[in-house]
Amino acid sequence: QVRLVESGGGLVQPGGSLRLSCTASGSIPSVYYMGWYRQPPGNKREFVASIHSGGRTRYADSLQGRFTISRGNAKNTIYLQMNDLQSEDTAVYFCNFPWDPEPYWGKGTLVTVSQ
């Protein structure tokens, strides 16, 4: 069992930045992926970025360059630095922990980009 807790969402103006955090607790293996997905209003959940416990990262093509995923000193914590946010980045952002047979998900944190 893995529990994920996200934080850091909120309201930001276009062009602004936010940093999301996700902390995992429970039975975490030594080698794993963690990542971020988002679900814009009225749309499906989509991949944002992931990071391997060894440090390898992957991004959605459209977001690379503006978003950066990283790991904290405590390896069960990851961050998503989001820069130059635009209205289309408005979404609920979910932390993801791939697992067999089903991934674990956090409850999500809302990011709203608006004037």
C-alpha atoms as a PDB file:
ATOM      1  CA  GLN A   1       0.000   0.000   0.000  1.00  0.00           C
ATOM      2  CA  VAL A   2       1.301   3.422  -1.012  1.00  0.00           C
ATOM      3  CA  ARG A   3      -0.243   6.728   0.034  1.00  0.00           C
ATOM      4  CA  LEU A   4       0.369   9.875  -1.976  1.00  0.00           C
ATOM      5  CA  VAL A   5      -0.261  13.407  -0.757  1.00  0.00           C
ATOM      6  CA  GLU A   6       0.017  16.397  -3.080  1.00  0.00           C
ATOM      7  CA  SER A   7       0.327  20.049  -2.179  1.00  0.00           C
ATOM      8  CA  GLY A   8       1.179  23.370  -3.768  1.00  0.00           C
ATOM      9  CA  GLY A   9      -1.746  24.068  -6.058  1.00  0.00           C
ATOM     10  CA  GLY A  10      -3.545  27.378  -6.181  1.00  0.00           C
ATOM     11  CA  LEU A  11      -4.448  30.386  -8.287  1.00  0.00           C
ATOM     12  CA  VAL A  12      -1.734  31.966 -10.397  1.00  0.00           C
ATOM     13  CA  GLN A  13      -1.749  34.606 -13.113  1.00  0.00           C
ATOM     14  CA  PRO A  14      -0.692  33.781 -16.669  1.00  0.00           C
ATOM     15  CA  GLY A  15       3.080  33.767 -16.908  1.00  0.00           C
ATOM     16  CA  GLY A  16       3.464  32.862 -13.267  1.00  0.00           C
ATOM     17  CA  SER A  17       5.019  29.838 -11.584  1.00  0.00           C
ATOM     18  CA  LEU A  18       4.025  27.204  -9.076  1.00  0.00           C
ATOM     19  CA  ARG A  19       5.768  24.258  -7.492  1.00  0.00           C
ATOM     20  CA  LEU A  20       3.799  21.155  -6.621  1.00  0.00           C
ATOM     21  CA  SER A  21       4.944  18.568  -4.102  1.00  0.00           C
ATOM     22  CA  CYS A  22       4.043  14.936  -3.649  1.00  0.00           C
ATOM     23  CA  THR A  23       5.086  12.768  -0.735  1.00  0.00           C
ATOM     24  CA  ALA A  24       4.720   9.012  -0.805  1.00  0.00           C
ATOM     25  CA  SER A  25       4.436   6.841   2.273  1.00  0.00           C
ATOM     26  CA  GLY A  26       3.920   3.160   2.892  1.00  0.00           C
ATOM     27  CA  SER A  27       5.541   0.132   1.265  1.00  0.00           C
ATOM     28  CA  ILE A  28       7.811   1.873  -1.213  1.00  0.00           C
ATOM     29  CA  PRO A  29      10.294  -0.320  -3.096  1.00  0.00           C
ATOM     30  CA  SER A  30      13.891   0.754  -3.618  1.00  0.00           C
ATOM     31  CA  VAL A  31      13.438   1.133  -7.372  1.00  0.00           C
ATOM     32  CA  TYR A  32      10.346   2.867  -8.665  1.00  0.00           C
ATOM     33  CA  TYR A  33       8.821   5.596 -10.759  1.00  0.00           C
ATOM     34  CA  MET A  34       6.738   8.487  -9.530  1.00  0.00           C
ATOM     35  CA  GLY A  35       5.064  11.033 -11.684  1.00  0.00           C
ATOM     36  CA  TRP A  36       2.469  13.682 -12.367  1.00  0.00           C
ATOM     37  CA  TYR A  37      -0.689  13.604 -14.422  1.00  0.00           C
ATOM     38  CA  ARG A  38      -3.267  16.318 -14.874  1.00  0.00           C
ATOM     39  CA  GLN A  39      -6.927  16.515 -15.754  1.00  0.00           C
ATOM     40  CA  PRO A  40      -8.155  19.763 -17.297  1.00  0.00           C
ATOM     41  CA  PRO A  41     -11.849  20.624 -16.830  1.00  0.00           C
ATOM     42  CA  GLY A  42     -13.976  18.421 -19.043  1.00  0.00           C
ATOM     43  CA  ASN A  43     -11.004  16.457 -20.354  1.00  0.00           C
ATOM     44  CA  LYS A  44      -9.271  13.162 -19.758  1.00  0.00           C
ATOM     45  CA  ARG A  45      -6.371  12.709 -17.400  1.00  0.00           C
ATOM     46  CA  GLU A  46      -3.062  13.170 -19.223  1.00  0.00           C
ATOM     47  CA  PHE A  47       0.569  12.428 -18.546  1.00  0.00           C
ATOM     48  CA  VAL A  48       2.760  15.338 -17.438  1.00  0.00           C
ATOM     49  CA  ALA A  49       6.103  13.961 -16.255  1.00  0.00           C
ATOM     50  CA  SER A  50       7.747  11.079 -14.425  1.00  0.00           C
ATOM     51  CA  ILE A  51      10.975  10.432 -12.586  1.00  0.00           C
ATOM     52  CA  HIS A  52      12.752   7.178 -11.825  1.00  0.00           C
ATOM     53  CA  SER A  53      14.299   6.508  -8.428  1.00  0.00           C
ATOM     54  CA  GLY A  54      17.641   6.600 -10.271  1.00  0.00           C
ATOM     55  CA  GLY A  55      16.899  10.088 -11.549  1.00  0.00           C
ATOM     56  CA  ARG A  56      15.833   9.508 -15.146  1.00  0.00           C
ATOM     57  CA  THR A  57      13.014  11.829 -16.190  1.00  0.00           C
ATOM     58  CA  ARG A  58      10.388  11.888 -18.906  1.00  0.00           C
ATOM     59  CA  TYR A  59       8.011  14.630 -20.005  1.00  0.00           C
ATOM     60  CA  ALA A  60       4.987  15.154 -22.155  1.00  0.00           C
ATOM     61  CA  ASP A  61       6.370  16.657 -25.362  1.00  0.00           C
ATOM     62  CA  SER A  62       4.228  19.777 -25.101  1.00  0.00           C
ATOM     63  CA  LEU A  63       5.397  20.586 -21.582  1.00  0.00           C
ATOM     64  CA  GLN A  64       9.128  20.004 -21.732  1.00  0.00           C
ATOM     65  CA  GLY A  65      10.939  23.269 -21.214  1.00  0.00           C
ATOM     66  CA  ARG A  66       8.312  24.830 -18.970  1.00  0.00           C
ATOM     67  CA  PHE A  67       7.833  22.037 -16.437  1.00  0.00           C
ATOM     68  CA  THR A  68      10.581  20.323 -14.435  1.00  0.00           C
ATOM     69  CA  ILE A  69      10.167  17.227 -12.294  1.00  0.00           C
ATOM     70  CA  SER A  70      12.672  16.597  -9.523  1.00  0.00           C
ATOM     71  CA  ARG A  71      13.221  14.543  -6.437  1.00  0.00           C
ATOM     72  CA  GLY A  72      13.713  15.833  -2.933  1.00  0.00           C
ATOM     73  CA  ASN A  73      16.479  14.838  -0.548  1.00  0.00           C
ATOM     74  CA  ALA A  74      13.991  12.380   0.867  1.00  0.00           C
ATOM     75  CA  LYS A  75      13.520  10.143  -2.156  1.00  0.00           C
ATOM     76  CA  ASN A  76       9.855   9.625  -1.424  1.00  0.00           C
ATOM     77  CA  THR A  77       9.132  13.260  -2.306  1.00  0.00           C
ATOM     78  CA  ILE A  78       8.914  14.663  -5.799  1.00  0.00           C
ATOM     79  CA  TYR A  79       8.286  18.141  -7.110  1.00  0.00           C
ATOM     80  CA  LEU A  80       6.874  19.663 -10.255  1.00  0.00           C
ATOM     81  CA  GLN A  81       8.161  23.137 -11.010  1.00  0.00           C
ATOM     82  CA  MET A  82       5.807  24.825 -13.458  1.00  0.00           C
ATOM     83  CA  ASN A  83       6.885  28.042 -15.162  1.00  0.00           C
ATOM     84  CA  ASP A  84       5.215  30.392 -17.615  1.00  0.00           C
ATOM     85  CA  LEU A  85       1.834  28.962 -16.742  1.00  0.00           C
ATOM     86  CA  GLN A  86      -0.982  29.524 -19.194  1.00  0.00           C
ATOM     87  CA  SER A  87      -4.742  29.155 -18.984  1.00  0.00           C
ATOM     88  CA  GLU A  88      -4.547  25.761 -20.686  1.00  0.00           C
ATOM     89  CA  ASP A  89      -2.480  24.498 -17.741  1.00  0.00           C
ATOM     90  CA  THR A  90      -5.533  24.850 -15.508  1.00  0.00           C
ATOM     91  CA  ALA A  91      -6.221  21.359 -14.196  1.00  0.00           C
ATOM     92  CA  VAL A  92      -6.248  19.079 -11.215  1.00  0.00           C
ATOM     93  CA  TYR A  93      -2.733  17.694 -10.897  1.00  0.00           C
ATOM     94  CA  PHE A  94      -2.397  14.149  -9.593  1.00  0.00           C
ATOM     95  CA  CYS A  95       0.627  12.366  -8.228  1.00  0.00           C
ATOM     96  CA  ASN A  96       1.057   8.875  -9.646  1.00  0.00           C
ATOM     97  CA  PHE A  97       2.893   5.788  -8.390  1.00  0.00           C
ATOM     98  CA  PRO A  98       2.858   2.960 -10.925  1.00  0.00           C
ATOM     99  CA  TRP A  99       2.064  -0.393  -9.362  1.00  0.00           C
ATOM    100  CA  ASP A 100       0.883  -3.817 -10.381  1.00  0.00           C
ATOM    101  CA  PRO A 101      -2.016  -4.343 -11.005  1.00  0.00           C
ATOM    102  CA  GLU A 102      -3.193  -0.759 -10.486  1.00  0.00           C
ATOM    103  CA  PRO A 103      -1.273   2.472  -9.957  1.00  0.00           C
ATOM    104  CA  TYR A 104      -1.689   4.505  -6.832  1.00  0.00           C
ATOM    105  CA  TRP A 105      -3.027   8.040  -7.128  1.00  0.00           C
ATOM    106  CA  GLY A 106      -3.123  11.025  -4.874  1.00  0.00           C
ATOM    107  CA  LYS A 107      -6.315  13.005  -4.410  1.00  0.00           C
ATOM    108  CA  GLY A 108      -5.009  15.814  -6.596  1.00  0.00           C
ATOM    109  CA  THR A 109      -4.303  19.489  -6.210  1.00  0.00           C
ATOM    110  CA  LEU A 110      -6.046  22.169  -8.251  1.00  0.00           C
ATOM    111  CA  VAL A 111      -4.022  24.616 -10.309  1.00  0.00           C
ATOM    112  CA  THR A 112      -5.955  27.543 -11.741  1.00  0.00           C
ATOM    113  CA  VAL A 113      -4.275  29.934 -14.148  1.00  0.00           C
ATOM    114  CA  SER A 114      -6.344  33.083 -14.503  1.00  0.00           C
ATOM    115  CA  GLN A 115      -6.239  36.847 -14.337  1.00  0.00           C
END
